[in-house]
Protein backbone atom coordinates (compact mmCIF):
# COMPACT_ATOMS: atom_id res chain seq x y z
CA UNK A 1 -28.08 40.05 -55.68
CA UNK A 2 -30.05 38.23 -58.30
CA UNK A 3 -33.15 36.12 -57.36
CA UNK A 4 -34.56 33.47 -59.65
CA UNK A 5 -38.05 31.97 -58.97
CA UNK A 6 -39.25 30.41 -62.19
CA UNK A 7 -39.86 26.77 -62.38
CA UNK A 8 -39.31 24.70 -65.51
CA UNK A 9 -40.52 21.37 -66.63
CA UNK A 10 -37.12 20.03 -65.59
CA UNK A 11 -37.70 21.30 -62.12
CA UNK A 12 -41.06 19.62 -61.76
CA UNK A 13 -39.65 16.32 -63.09
CA UNK A 14 -36.78 16.41 -60.58
CA UNK A 15 -39.18 17.05 -57.69
CA UNK A 16 -41.47 14.23 -58.77
CA UNK A 17 -38.54 11.83 -59.07
CA UNK A 18 -37.26 12.65 -55.64
CA UNK A 19 -40.44 11.35 -53.93
CA UNK A 20 -41.91 8.97 -56.56
CA UNK A 21 -39.19 7.28 -58.45
CA UNK A 22 -38.02 4.52 -56.16
CA UNK A 23 -34.24 4.71 -56.95
CA UNK A 24 -34.07 8.47 -56.09
CA UNK A 25 -36.53 8.37 -53.33
CA UNK A 26 -34.58 5.65 -51.43
CA UNK A 27 -31.06 6.63 -52.30
CA UNK A 28 -31.45 10.41 -52.16
CA UNK A 29 -34.46 11.78 -50.36
CA UNK A 30 -34.73 9.04 -47.65
CA UNK A 31 -30.97 9.28 -46.93
CA UNK A 32 -31.20 12.93 -46.82
CA UNK A 33 -34.05 12.96 -44.24
CA UNK A 34 -32.39 10.18 -42.28
CA UNK A 35 -29.21 12.16 -41.78
CA UNK A 36 -31.30 15.27 -40.73
CA UNK A 37 -33.23 13.05 -38.22
CA UNK A 38 -30.20 11.06 -36.95
CA UNK A 39 -28.17 14.15 -36.31
CA UNK A 40 -30.88 16.65 -35.38
CA UNK A 41 -29.90 19.06 -38.11
CA UNK A 42 -33.20 20.87 -38.66
CA UNK A 43 -35.20 22.25 -35.79
CA UNK A 44 -38.45 24.23 -35.53
CA UNK A 45 -38.08 27.86 -36.68
CA UNK A 46 -34.59 27.43 -38.07
CA UNK A 47 -33.64 29.63 -40.99
CA UNK A 48 -31.11 27.72 -43.10
CA UNK A 49 -28.82 29.14 -45.74
CA UNK A 50 -28.49 26.48 -48.33
CA UNK A 51 -25.05 27.14 -49.82
CA UNK A 52 -24.84 26.57 -53.52
CA UNK A 53 -21.42 26.30 -55.17
CA UNK A 54 -22.82 25.42 -58.63
CA UNK A 55 -21.77 21.75 -58.54
CA UNK A 56 -23.90 18.70 -58.62
CA UNK A 57 -23.84 18.11 -54.86
CA UNK A 58 -25.02 21.50 -53.70
CA UNK A 59 -27.69 21.77 -56.43
CA UNK A 60 -29.14 18.38 -55.52
CA UNK A 61 -29.05 19.43 -51.80
CA UNK A 62 -31.17 22.53 -52.80
CA UNK A 63 -33.77 20.40 -54.46
CA UNK A 64 -33.84 18.02 -51.45
CA UNK A 65 -34.40 20.92 -49.16
CA UNK A 66 -37.25 22.18 -51.23
CA UNK A 67 -38.86 18.75 -51.15
CA UNK A 68 -38.27 18.53 -47.32
CA UNK A 69 -40.01 21.82 -46.77
CA UNK A 70 -43.08 20.61 -48.78
CA UNK A 71 -43.39 17.53 -46.45
CA UNK A 72 -42.04 18.63 -43.09
CA UNK A 73 -44.21 18.81 -39.97
CA UNK A 74 -42.74 21.98 -38.33
CA UNK A 75 -41.94 25.35 -39.74
CA UNK A 76 -38.54 26.40 -40.89
CA UNK A 77 -37.17 28.92 -43.55
CA UNK A 78 -34.64 28.40 -46.39
CA UNK A 79 -32.41 30.87 -48.13
CA UNK A 80 -30.67 29.58 -51.28
CA UNK A 81 -27.41 31.46 -51.36
CA UNK A 82 -24.58 31.32 -53.91
CA UNK A 83 -21.26 33.14 -53.70
CA UNK A 84 -19.38 34.39 -56.82
CA UNK A 85 -15.73 34.49 -55.69
CA UNK A 86 -14.58 35.67 -59.05
CA UNK A 87 -16.00 33.25 -61.62
CA UNK A 88 -15.56 33.97 -65.28
CA UNK A 89 -18.71 34.97 -67.17
CA UNK A 90 -19.41 31.51 -68.49
CA UNK A 91 -19.31 29.81 -65.13
CA UNK A 92 -21.40 32.51 -63.42
CA UNK A 93 -23.94 32.10 -66.23
CA UNK A 94 -24.02 28.38 -65.82
CA UNK A 95 -24.90 28.60 -62.09
CA UNK A 96 -27.75 31.11 -62.82
CA UNK A 97 -29.04 29.05 -65.66
CA UNK A 98 -29.06 25.80 -63.66
CA UNK A 99 -30.81 27.48 -60.81
CA UNK A 100 -33.42 28.80 -63.18
CA UNK A 101 -33.76 25.41 -64.84
CA UNK A 102 -34.30 23.64 -61.48
CA UNK A 103 -36.47 26.29 -59.93
CA UNK A 104 -34.14 27.25 -57.11
CA UNK A 105 -34.52 30.90 -56.02
CA UNK A 106 -30.76 31.66 -55.52
CA UNK A 107 -29.32 34.95 -54.11
CA UNK A 108 -25.88 35.63 -55.52
CA UNK A 109 -23.40 37.80 -53.78
CA UNK A 110 -19.79 38.64 -54.79
CA UNK A 111 -16.41 38.25 -53.06
CA UNK A 112 -12.80 38.53 -54.37
CA UNK A 113 -11.47 35.23 -52.96
CA UNK A 114 -10.00 34.10 -56.23
CA UNK A 115 -7.91 37.21 -56.48
CA UNK A 116 -6.67 36.56 -52.90
CA UNK A 117 -5.53 32.99 -53.45
CA UNK A 118 -4.62 32.79 -57.09
CA UNK A 119 -0.84 33.47 -56.37
CA UNK A 120 -0.73 31.36 -53.28
CA UNK A 121 1.61 28.41 -53.80
CA UNK A 122 1.09 26.40 -50.66
CA UNK A 123 -2.43 24.94 -50.10
CA UNK A 124 -4.37 27.41 -52.14
CA UNK A 125 -7.51 25.13 -52.06
CA UNK A 126 -7.42 24.94 -48.29
CA UNK A 127 -7.08 28.68 -47.94
CA UNK A 128 -9.85 29.18 -50.46
CA UNK A 129 -12.20 26.84 -48.67
CA UNK A 130 -11.61 28.65 -45.28
CA UNK A 131 -12.19 32.07 -46.85
CA UNK A 132 -15.39 30.78 -48.59
CA UNK A 133 -16.66 29.33 -45.24
CA UNK A 134 -16.23 32.78 -43.54
CA UNK A 135 -17.94 34.76 -46.35
CA UNK A 136 -20.81 32.29 -46.27
CA UNK A 137 -21.33 32.55 -42.52
CA UNK A 138 -21.17 36.36 -42.75
CA UNK A 139 -23.78 36.55 -45.51
CA UNK A 140 -26.00 33.95 -43.88
CA UNK A 141 -26.09 36.02 -40.70
CA UNK A 142 -26.88 39.14 -42.72
CA UNK A 143 -29.93 37.21 -44.06
CA UNK A 144 -31.06 36.35 -40.52
CA UNK A 145 -29.99 32.55 -40.79
CA UNK A 146 -28.78 30.48 -37.85
CA UNK A 147 -27.36 27.65 -39.92
CA UNK A 148 -25.54 27.07 -43.14
CA UNK A 149 -25.92 23.82 -45.08
CA UNK A 150 -23.10 22.39 -47.22
CA UNK A 151 -23.30 19.67 -49.81
CA UNK A 152 -20.62 17.25 -48.53
CA UNK A 153 -21.65 13.65 -49.05
CA UNK A 154 -20.70 10.13 -47.79
CA UNK A 155 -17.71 9.78 -50.12
CA UNK A 156 -16.36 13.13 -48.94
CA UNK A 157 -16.69 11.84 -45.32
CA UNK A 158 -14.70 8.56 -45.91
CA UNK A 159 -12.10 10.24 -47.95
CA UNK A 160 -11.52 12.83 -45.19
CA UNK A 161 -11.22 10.03 -42.66
CA UNK A 162 -8.45 8.28 -44.64
CA UNK A 163 -6.77 11.63 -45.51
CA UNK A 164 -6.48 12.62 -41.95
CA UNK A 165 -4.60 9.41 -41.09
CA UNK A 166 -2.50 9.05 -44.29
CA UNK A 167 -1.57 12.58 -44.77
CA UNK A 168 -2.40 14.34 -41.42
CA UNK A 169 -1.16 11.77 -38.91
CA UNK A 170 -4.42 11.97 -36.84
CA UNK A 171 -7.85 10.34 -36.67
CA UNK A 172 -10.44 12.98 -37.55
CA UNK A 173 -13.72 12.83 -39.40
CA UNK A 174 -15.98 15.37 -41.24
CA UNK A 175 -18.62 16.05 -38.60
CA UNK A 176 -22.31 16.01 -39.76
CA UNK A 177 -22.83 19.34 -37.91
CA UNK A 178 -20.84 21.74 -35.78
CA UNK A 179 -20.94 25.03 -34.05
CA UNK A 180 -19.14 27.99 -35.72
CA UNK A 181 -16.24 29.16 -33.64
CA UNK A 182 -16.09 32.64 -35.17
CA UNK A 183 -19.83 33.39 -35.69
CA UNK A 184 -21.85 33.22 -32.45
CA UNK A 185 -25.06 31.30 -32.72
CA UNK A 186 -24.27 29.90 -36.11
CA UNK A 187 -24.15 26.15 -37.02
CA UNK A 188 -22.94 24.21 -40.09
CA UNK A 189 -24.90 21.19 -41.14
CA UNK A 190 -24.21 18.49 -43.83
CA UNK A 191 -27.46 16.83 -44.66
CA UNK A 192 -26.00 14.83 -47.58
CA UNK A 193 -23.95 12.88 -45.06
CA UNK A 194 -25.51 9.44 -46.04
CA UNK A 195 -25.76 10.06 -49.77
CA UNK A 196 -23.37 8.22 -52.10
CA UNK A 197 -21.64 10.20 -54.86
CA UNK A 198 -22.49 7.53 -57.48
CA UNK A 199 -26.14 8.25 -56.74
CA UNK A 200 -25.79 11.91 -57.16
CA UNK A 201 -24.03 11.25 -60.45
CA UNK A 202 -26.94 8.91 -61.44
CA UNK A 203 -29.46 11.70 -60.58
CA UNK A 204 -27.49 14.24 -62.61
CA UNK A 205 -27.12 12.04 -65.67
CA UNK A 206 -30.79 10.92 -65.60
CA UNK A 207 -31.83 14.54 -66.29
CA UNK A 208 -28.86 15.36 -68.53
CA UNK A 209 -27.90 18.16 -66.12
CA UNK A 210 -24.46 20.00 -66.66
CA UNK A 211 -22.92 21.49 -63.48
CA UNK A 212 -19.63 23.15 -62.52
CA UNK A 213 -16.81 20.85 -61.30
CA UNK A 214 -14.48 23.43 -59.89
CA UNK A 215 -14.40 26.80 -61.49
CA UNK A 216 -11.41 28.35 -59.70
CA UNK A 217 -8.55 29.82 -61.57
CA UNK A 218 -6.13 27.17 -60.28
CA UNK A 219 -8.18 24.50 -61.85
CA UNK A 220 -8.49 26.42 -65.12
CA UNK A 221 -4.75 26.53 -65.18
CA UNK A 222 -4.37 22.86 -64.57
CA UNK A 223 -6.82 22.09 -67.43
CA UNK A 224 -4.50 23.85 -69.85
CA UNK A 225 -1.51 21.77 -68.64
CA UNK A 226 -0.68 18.04 -68.52
CA UNK A 227 -2.99 17.35 -65.70
CA UNK A 228 -0.18 15.74 -63.51
CA UNK A 229 -0.61 18.29 -60.67
CA UNK A 230 -4.31 17.58 -60.48
CA UNK A 231 -3.88 13.85 -60.44
CA UNK A 232 -1.38 14.16 -57.66
CA UNK A 233 -3.86 15.86 -55.28
CA UNK A 234 -4.14 14.14 -52.00
CA UNK A 235 -7.94 13.67 -52.29
CA UNK A 236 -7.76 12.09 -55.71
CA UNK A 237 -5.05 9.75 -54.43
CA UNK A 238 -7.28 8.83 -51.49
CA UNK A 239 -10.23 8.22 -53.81
CA UNK A 240 -8.18 5.94 -56.00
CA UNK A 241 -6.92 4.03 -52.93
CA UNK A 242 -10.48 3.35 -51.68
CA UNK A 243 -11.46 2.08 -55.21
CA UNK A 244 -8.49 -0.26 -55.18
CA UNK A 245 -9.38 -1.60 -51.78
CA UNK A 246 -12.91 -2.06 -52.78
CA UNK A 247 -11.91 -4.55 -55.42
CA UNK A 248 -11.06 -7.16 -52.76
CA UNK A 249 -13.40 -5.87 -50.05
CA UNK A 250 -16.79 -4.58 -51.22
CA UNK A 251 -17.57 -3.42 -47.75
CA UNK A 252 -14.54 -1.19 -47.37
CA UNK A 253 -16.42 2.16 -47.84
CA UNK A 254 -18.98 1.22 -45.24
CA UNK A 255 -16.31 0.05 -42.81
CA UNK A 256 -14.25 3.27 -43.14
CA UNK A 257 -17.53 5.35 -42.53
CA UNK A 258 -18.63 3.10 -39.56
CA UNK A 259 -15.14 3.14 -37.89
CA UNK A 260 -15.74 6.78 -36.92
CA UNK A 261 -19.02 5.69 -35.25
CA UNK A 262 -17.28 2.91 -33.22
CA UNK A 263 -14.10 4.40 -31.76
CA UNK A 264 -12.94 2.21 -28.79
CA UNK A 265 -11.25 4.78 -26.51
CA UNK A 266 -9.88 2.00 -24.30
CA UNK A 267 -7.75 0.78 -27.30
CA UNK A 268 -6.50 4.23 -28.30
CA UNK A 269 -2.99 5.51 -27.32
CA UNK A 270 -4.07 9.06 -26.97
CA UNK A 271 -6.87 11.45 -27.83
CA UNK A 272 -7.80 15.10 -27.63
CA UNK A 273 -11.01 16.66 -26.45
CA UNK A 274 -11.68 20.40 -26.25
CA UNK A 275 -8.02 21.15 -26.87
CA UNK A 276 -6.77 18.88 -24.01
CA UNK A 277 -4.75 15.82 -24.70
CA UNK A 278 -5.30 12.53 -22.81
CA UNK A 279 -2.91 9.55 -22.76
CA UNK A 280 -3.75 5.90 -21.84
CA UNK A 281 -0.86 6.01 -19.25
CA UNK A 282 -2.57 8.81 -17.35
CA UNK A 283 -4.67 6.34 -15.40
CA UNK A 284 -2.96 3.08 -16.26
CA UNK A 285 -1.39 2.47 -12.81
CA UNK A 286 -4.54 3.21 -11.01
CA UNK A 287 -6.64 0.70 -12.97
């Protein structure tokens, strides 16, 4: 493992911006703390593994957690954790350099996930994500953590909402927090839940930061080809659809997000809870 503790002028500038510059304070730090408060994500004496992939979202999340710890009213601990699933040297170096630049004391551990999924033809990204999650939970437990934090943001949430309907044939959202089913006592939290991707991009560009996009071998292969396979990904299609809808309805993103907070079960044909399916006809005659 490698730990980085140095702080640069960039790190200080970023920290100052998150609580003093109005645009970043309101759109990033306030929305971060609101999600944590609304969904009770951080509790006294928690030890949270902040999972850093090397992208803009998780690196911003790390800075927001550092700022939260400076201002919070009760004790909790943080571990800044990054997994190297088989990055090439350049990508591994970029993660380390960005962590050093931003003053994030990351602990890096290795896995062989890329070797395991590189030849998988069907849903390699889904398999990779599941394997990554398992490795993160395991390492977090070893570090004495009871929660892992992932950098999924508002746009990830609404895209997942639509993808579940258009491609999965079900209504399902990305939850702000959930209990692990395989690691007892562990929880997953998503404190970037209210933060818009466009505001993360604005933060990145304001400080001229360069982060990883996706460093897996599958993506590296696509970048050497025409790009058609990448543009055909379901998430990219869904993202484009939302942008098209937004042209005629500026509120469409908020409406998609809010729809998962306003489910009218009396107007739903069937739903599942705890693995059990319920149908509106079950009690229809008795009403």
